[in-house]
């Protein structure tokens, strides 16, 4: 283990260990390497899935209409823009 390697201890019952052991053997790797790869793959899959937003057809249509429609700033934005225009810039 290298100095920068982090350690993770894991407990599993005998049946789980047997399944992992057999799967690792089929892959021609150690249980540790198999578990690292499987955990990383699952984590990346979850992170990818959670980074996407899925909209229903109705919500997509509303979103697209908002993007494609004419923009009309509300009063608060107009006030903020007016205040920003008063700021002297170097």
N, C-alpha and C. Protein backbone atom coordinates (compact mmCIF):
# COMPACT_ATOMS: atom_id res chain seq x y z
N UNK A 1 0.85 -1.17 0.00
CA UNK A 1 0.00 0.00 0.00
C UNK A 1 0.89 1.24 0.00
N UNK A 2 0.61 2.21 -0.86
CA UNK A 2 1.42 3.41 -0.92
C UNK A 2 1.06 4.36 0.21
N UNK A 3 1.94 5.34 0.43
CA UNK A 3 1.71 6.29 1.52
C UNK A 3 0.43 7.09 1.29
N UNK A 4 0.03 7.30 0.04
CA UNK A 4 -1.17 8.10 -0.23
C UNK A 4 -2.44 7.26 -0.29
N UNK A 5 -2.32 5.97 -0.12
CA UNK A 5 -3.51 5.10 -0.18
C UNK A 5 -4.33 5.25 1.09
N UNK A 6 -5.64 5.29 0.92
CA UNK A 6 -6.55 5.36 2.06
C UNK A 6 -7.06 3.95 2.34
N UNK A 7 -7.31 3.68 3.59
CA UNK A 7 -7.74 2.34 3.98
C UNK A 7 -9.23 2.34 4.26
N UNK A 8 -9.90 1.26 3.87
CA UNK A 8 -11.32 1.06 4.15
C UNK A 8 -11.48 -0.38 4.60
N UNK A 9 -12.00 -0.56 5.81
CA UNK A 9 -12.27 -1.90 6.31
C UNK A 9 -13.74 -2.20 6.10
N UNK A 10 -14.03 -3.44 5.79
CA UNK A 10 -15.38 -3.83 5.45
C UNK A 10 -15.67 -5.20 6.02
N UNK A 11 -16.82 -5.35 6.62
CA UNK A 11 -17.23 -6.66 7.14
C UNK A 11 -18.39 -7.16 6.30
N UNK A 12 -18.36 -8.46 6.02
CA UNK A 12 -19.47 -9.09 5.30
C UNK A 12 -19.65 -10.49 5.84
N UNK A 13 -20.84 -11.02 5.63
CA UNK A 13 -21.05 -12.38 6.13
C UNK A 13 -20.40 -13.39 5.18
N UNK A 14 -20.35 -14.62 5.59
CA UNK A 14 -19.65 -15.66 4.83
C UNK A 14 -20.22 -15.84 3.44
N UNK A 15 -21.54 -15.77 3.30
CA UNK A 15 -22.16 -15.95 1.98
C UNK A 15 -21.78 -14.82 1.04
N UNK A 16 -21.77 -13.58 1.54
CA UNK A 16 -21.37 -12.44 0.71
C UNK A 16 -19.91 -12.58 0.29
N UNK A 17 -19.06 -12.98 1.24
CA UNK A 17 -17.64 -13.14 0.94
C UNK A 17 -17.43 -14.22 -0.12
N UNK A 18 -18.20 -15.29 -0.04
CA UNK A 18 -18.09 -16.37 -1.02
C UNK A 18 -18.46 -15.87 -2.41
N UNK A 19 -19.53 -15.10 -2.50
CA UNK A 19 -19.96 -14.56 -3.80
C UNK A 19 -18.88 -13.65 -4.38
N UNK A 20 -18.35 -12.76 -3.55
CA UNK A 20 -17.30 -11.85 -4.01
C UNK A 20 -16.05 -12.62 -4.40
N UNK A 21 -15.69 -13.60 -3.62
CA UNK A 21 -14.51 -14.41 -3.91
C UNK A 21 -14.64 -15.12 -5.25
N UNK A 22 -15.81 -15.72 -5.49
CA UNK A 22 -16.02 -16.42 -6.76
C UNK A 22 -16.01 -15.45 -7.94
N UNK A 23 -16.63 -14.30 -7.77
CA UNK A 23 -16.65 -13.31 -8.85
C UNK A 23 -15.24 -12.78 -9.14
N UNK A 24 -14.47 -12.52 -8.09
CA UNK A 24 -13.10 -12.06 -8.27
C UNK A 24 -12.27 -13.11 -9.00
N UNK A 25 -12.46 -14.37 -8.64
CA UNK A 25 -11.73 -15.45 -9.31
C UNK A 25 -12.09 -15.51 -10.79
N UNK A 26 -13.36 -15.32 -11.11
CA UNK A 26 -13.77 -15.32 -12.52
C UNK A 26 -13.11 -14.19 -13.30
N UNK A 27 -12.88 -13.07 -12.61
CA UNK A 27 -12.24 -11.92 -13.25
C UNK A 27 -10.72 -12.03 -13.24
N UNK A 28 -10.20 -13.03 -12.53
CA UNK A 28 -8.75 -13.20 -12.46
C UNK A 28 -8.08 -12.14 -11.61
N UNK A 29 -8.75 -11.70 -10.57
CA UNK A 29 -8.20 -10.64 -9.73
C UNK A 29 -8.40 -10.99 -8.25
N UNK A 30 -7.86 -10.17 -7.40
CA UNK A 30 -8.04 -10.39 -5.96
C UNK A 30 -9.40 -9.86 -5.52
N UNK A 31 -9.82 -10.30 -4.34
CA UNK A 31 -11.07 -9.78 -3.79
C UNK A 31 -10.98 -8.28 -3.57
N UNK A 32 -9.84 -7.82 -3.09
CA UNK A 32 -9.67 -6.38 -2.84
C UNK A 32 -9.79 -5.58 -4.13
N UNK A 33 -9.10 -6.03 -5.17
CA UNK A 33 -9.16 -5.32 -6.45
C UNK A 33 -10.58 -5.36 -7.02
N UNK A 34 -11.23 -6.51 -6.88
CA UNK A 34 -12.60 -6.64 -7.37
C UNK A 34 -13.53 -5.68 -6.63
N UNK A 35 -13.41 -5.65 -5.30
CA UNK A 35 -14.27 -4.77 -4.50
C UNK A 35 -14.00 -3.30 -4.80
N UNK A 36 -12.72 -2.92 -4.97
CA UNK A 36 -12.40 -1.53 -5.31
C UNK A 36 -13.04 -1.15 -6.63
N UNK A 37 -12.89 -2.00 -7.64
CA UNK A 37 -13.44 -1.71 -8.96
C UNK A 37 -14.96 -1.65 -8.92
N UNK A 38 -15.58 -2.60 -8.24
CA UNK A 38 -17.05 -2.63 -8.18
C UNK A 38 -17.59 -1.41 -7.43
N UNK A 39 -16.95 -1.05 -6.33
CA UNK A 39 -17.40 0.11 -5.55
C UNK A 39 -17.23 1.39 -6.35
N UNK A 40 -16.09 1.52 -7.03
CA UNK A 40 -15.85 2.72 -7.84
C UNK A 40 -16.85 2.81 -8.98
N UNK A 41 -17.08 1.71 -9.69
CA UNK A 41 -18.04 1.71 -10.79
C UNK A 41 -19.43 2.11 -10.32
N UNK A 42 -19.86 1.55 -9.21
CA UNK A 42 -21.19 1.86 -8.68
C UNK A 42 -21.27 3.32 -8.24
N UNK A 43 -20.22 3.82 -7.60
CA UNK A 43 -20.20 5.21 -7.15
C UNK A 43 -20.25 6.17 -8.33
N UNK A 44 -19.47 5.89 -9.37
CA UNK A 44 -19.48 6.76 -10.56
C UNK A 44 -20.84 6.73 -11.24
N UNK A 45 -21.45 5.56 -11.30
CA UNK A 45 -22.78 5.43 -11.90
C UNK A 45 -23.80 6.28 -11.12
N UNK A 46 -23.75 6.20 -9.81
CA UNK A 46 -24.67 6.97 -8.98
C UNK A 46 -24.43 8.46 -9.14
N UNK A 47 -23.18 8.89 -9.10
CA UNK A 47 -22.86 10.31 -9.24
C UNK A 47 -23.30 10.83 -10.60
N UNK A 48 -23.10 10.06 -11.64
CA UNK A 48 -23.54 10.45 -12.99
C UNK A 48 -25.06 10.58 -13.04
N UNK A 49 -25.75 9.60 -12.49
CA UNK A 49 -27.21 9.62 -12.52
C UNK A 49 -27.76 10.82 -11.74
N UNK A 50 -27.14 11.13 -10.61
CA UNK A 50 -27.62 12.22 -9.78
C UNK A 50 -27.23 13.59 -10.31
N UNK A 51 -26.33 13.65 -11.29
CA UNK A 51 -25.93 14.94 -11.85
C UNK A 51 -26.84 15.37 -13.00
N UNK A 52 -27.73 14.49 -13.41
CA UNK A 52 -28.67 14.80 -14.49
C UNK A 52 -30.03 15.19 -13.92
N UNK A 53 -30.72 16.04 -14.64
CA UNK A 53 -32.08 16.41 -14.28
C UNK A 53 -33.00 15.83 -15.35
N UNK A 54 -34.00 15.10 -14.91
CA UNK A 54 -34.96 14.51 -15.84
C UNK A 54 -36.29 15.22 -15.67
N UNK A 55 -36.81 15.71 -16.78
CA UNK A 55 -38.08 16.43 -16.76
C UNK A 55 -39.17 15.61 -17.44
N UNK A 56 -40.37 15.76 -16.94
CA UNK A 56 -41.51 15.17 -17.64
C UNK A 56 -41.73 15.97 -18.93
N UNK A 57 -42.52 15.45 -19.84
CA UNK A 57 -42.80 16.18 -21.08
C UNK A 57 -43.40 17.55 -20.79
N UNK A 58 -44.33 17.58 -19.84
CA UNK A 58 -44.99 18.85 -19.49
C UNK A 58 -43.98 19.85 -18.94
N UNK A 59 -43.10 19.39 -18.03
CA UNK A 59 -42.10 20.28 -17.45
C UNK A 59 -41.08 20.72 -18.48
N UNK A 60 -40.72 19.82 -19.40
CA UNK A 60 -39.78 20.20 -20.46
C UNK A 60 -40.38 21.28 -21.34
N UNK A 61 -41.65 21.13 -21.69
CA UNK A 61 -42.31 22.14 -22.52
C UNK A 61 -42.33 23.49 -21.81
N UNK A 62 -42.62 23.49 -20.52
CA UNK A 62 -42.63 24.74 -19.75
C UNK A 62 -41.23 25.35 -19.69
N UNK A 63 -40.22 24.52 -19.50
CA UNK A 63 -38.84 24.99 -19.44
C UNK A 63 -38.42 25.58 -20.79
N UNK A 64 -38.71 24.86 -21.87
CA UNK A 64 -38.36 25.34 -23.21
C UNK A 64 -39.08 26.65 -23.52
N UNK A 65 -40.35 26.75 -23.14
CA UNK A 65 -41.10 27.98 -23.38
C UNK A 65 -40.48 29.15 -22.63
N UNK A 66 -40.04 28.90 -21.40
CA UNK A 66 -39.40 29.96 -20.62
C UNK A 66 -38.10 30.41 -21.26
N UNK A 67 -37.34 29.48 -21.80
CA UNK A 67 -36.08 29.83 -22.46
C UNK A 67 -36.31 30.56 -23.78
N UNK A 68 -37.31 30.13 -24.51
CA UNK A 68 -37.55 30.67 -25.85
C UNK A 68 -38.44 31.90 -25.86
N UNK A 69 -39.12 32.16 -24.76
CA UNK A 69 -40.05 33.28 -24.70
C UNK A 69 -39.33 34.61 -24.55
N UNK A 70 -40.09 35.68 -24.73
CA UNK A 70 -39.54 37.02 -24.54
C UNK A 70 -39.22 37.22 -23.06
N UNK A 71 -38.15 37.96 -22.82
CA UNK A 71 -37.72 38.23 -21.45
C UNK A 71 -38.27 39.57 -21.01
N UNK A 72 -38.88 39.60 -19.85
CA UNK A 72 -39.37 40.85 -19.27
C UNK A 72 -38.87 40.92 -17.83
N UNK A 73 -37.92 41.82 -17.55
CA UNK A 73 -37.39 41.89 -16.19
C UNK A 73 -38.46 42.38 -15.21
N UNK A 74 -38.43 41.81 -14.02
CA UNK A 74 -39.38 42.26 -12.99
C UNK A 74 -38.83 43.53 -12.33
N UNK A 75 -39.62 44.10 -11.43
CA UNK A 75 -39.26 45.37 -10.80
C UNK A 75 -37.96 45.26 -10.01
N UNK A 76 -37.76 44.17 -9.30
CA UNK A 76 -36.54 44.01 -8.50
C UNK A 76 -35.30 43.99 -9.40
N UNK A 77 -35.39 43.32 -10.53
CA UNK A 77 -34.25 43.28 -11.44
C UNK A 77 -34.02 44.65 -12.06
N UNK A 78 -35.08 45.34 -12.42
CA UNK A 78 -34.93 46.69 -12.98
C UNK A 78 -34.25 47.62 -11.97
N UNK A 79 -34.65 47.52 -10.70
CA UNK A 79 -34.01 48.34 -9.65
C UNK A 79 -32.54 47.99 -9.51
N UNK A 80 -32.22 46.70 -9.52
CA UNK A 80 -30.82 46.27 -9.39
C UNK A 80 -29.99 46.76 -10.58
N UNK A 81 -30.55 46.70 -11.77
CA UNK A 81 -29.83 47.19 -12.95
C UNK A 81 -29.62 48.69 -12.88
N UNK A 82 -30.62 49.41 -12.40
CA UNK A 82 -30.49 50.86 -12.26
C UNK A 82 -29.40 51.19 -11.23
N UNK A 83 -29.39 50.47 -10.11
CA UNK A 83 -28.35 50.70 -9.10
C UNK A 83 -26.97 50.38 -9.65
N UNK A 84 -26.85 49.32 -10.41
CA UNK A 84 -25.56 48.93 -10.99
C UNK A 84 -25.08 49.97 -11.99
N UNK A 85 -26.00 50.58 -12.71
CA UNK A 85 -25.63 51.59 -13.69
C UNK A 85 -25.07 52.84 -13.02
N UNK A 86 -25.43 53.09 -11.76
CA UNK A 86 -24.96 54.27 -11.02
C UNK A 86 -23.54 54.09 -10.47
N UNK A 87 -23.06 52.86 -10.43
CA UNK A 87 -21.74 52.58 -9.87
C UNK A 87 -20.67 53.05 -10.84
N UNK A 88 -19.72 53.85 -10.33
CA UNK A 88 -18.62 54.33 -11.17
C UNK A 88 -17.59 53.22 -11.29
N UNK A 89 -17.18 52.97 -12.48
CA UNK A 89 -16.21 51.91 -12.75
C UNK A 89 -14.90 52.55 -13.20
N UNK A 90 -13.79 51.95 -12.81
CA UNK A 90 -12.47 52.48 -13.15
C UNK A 90 -12.10 52.15 -14.56
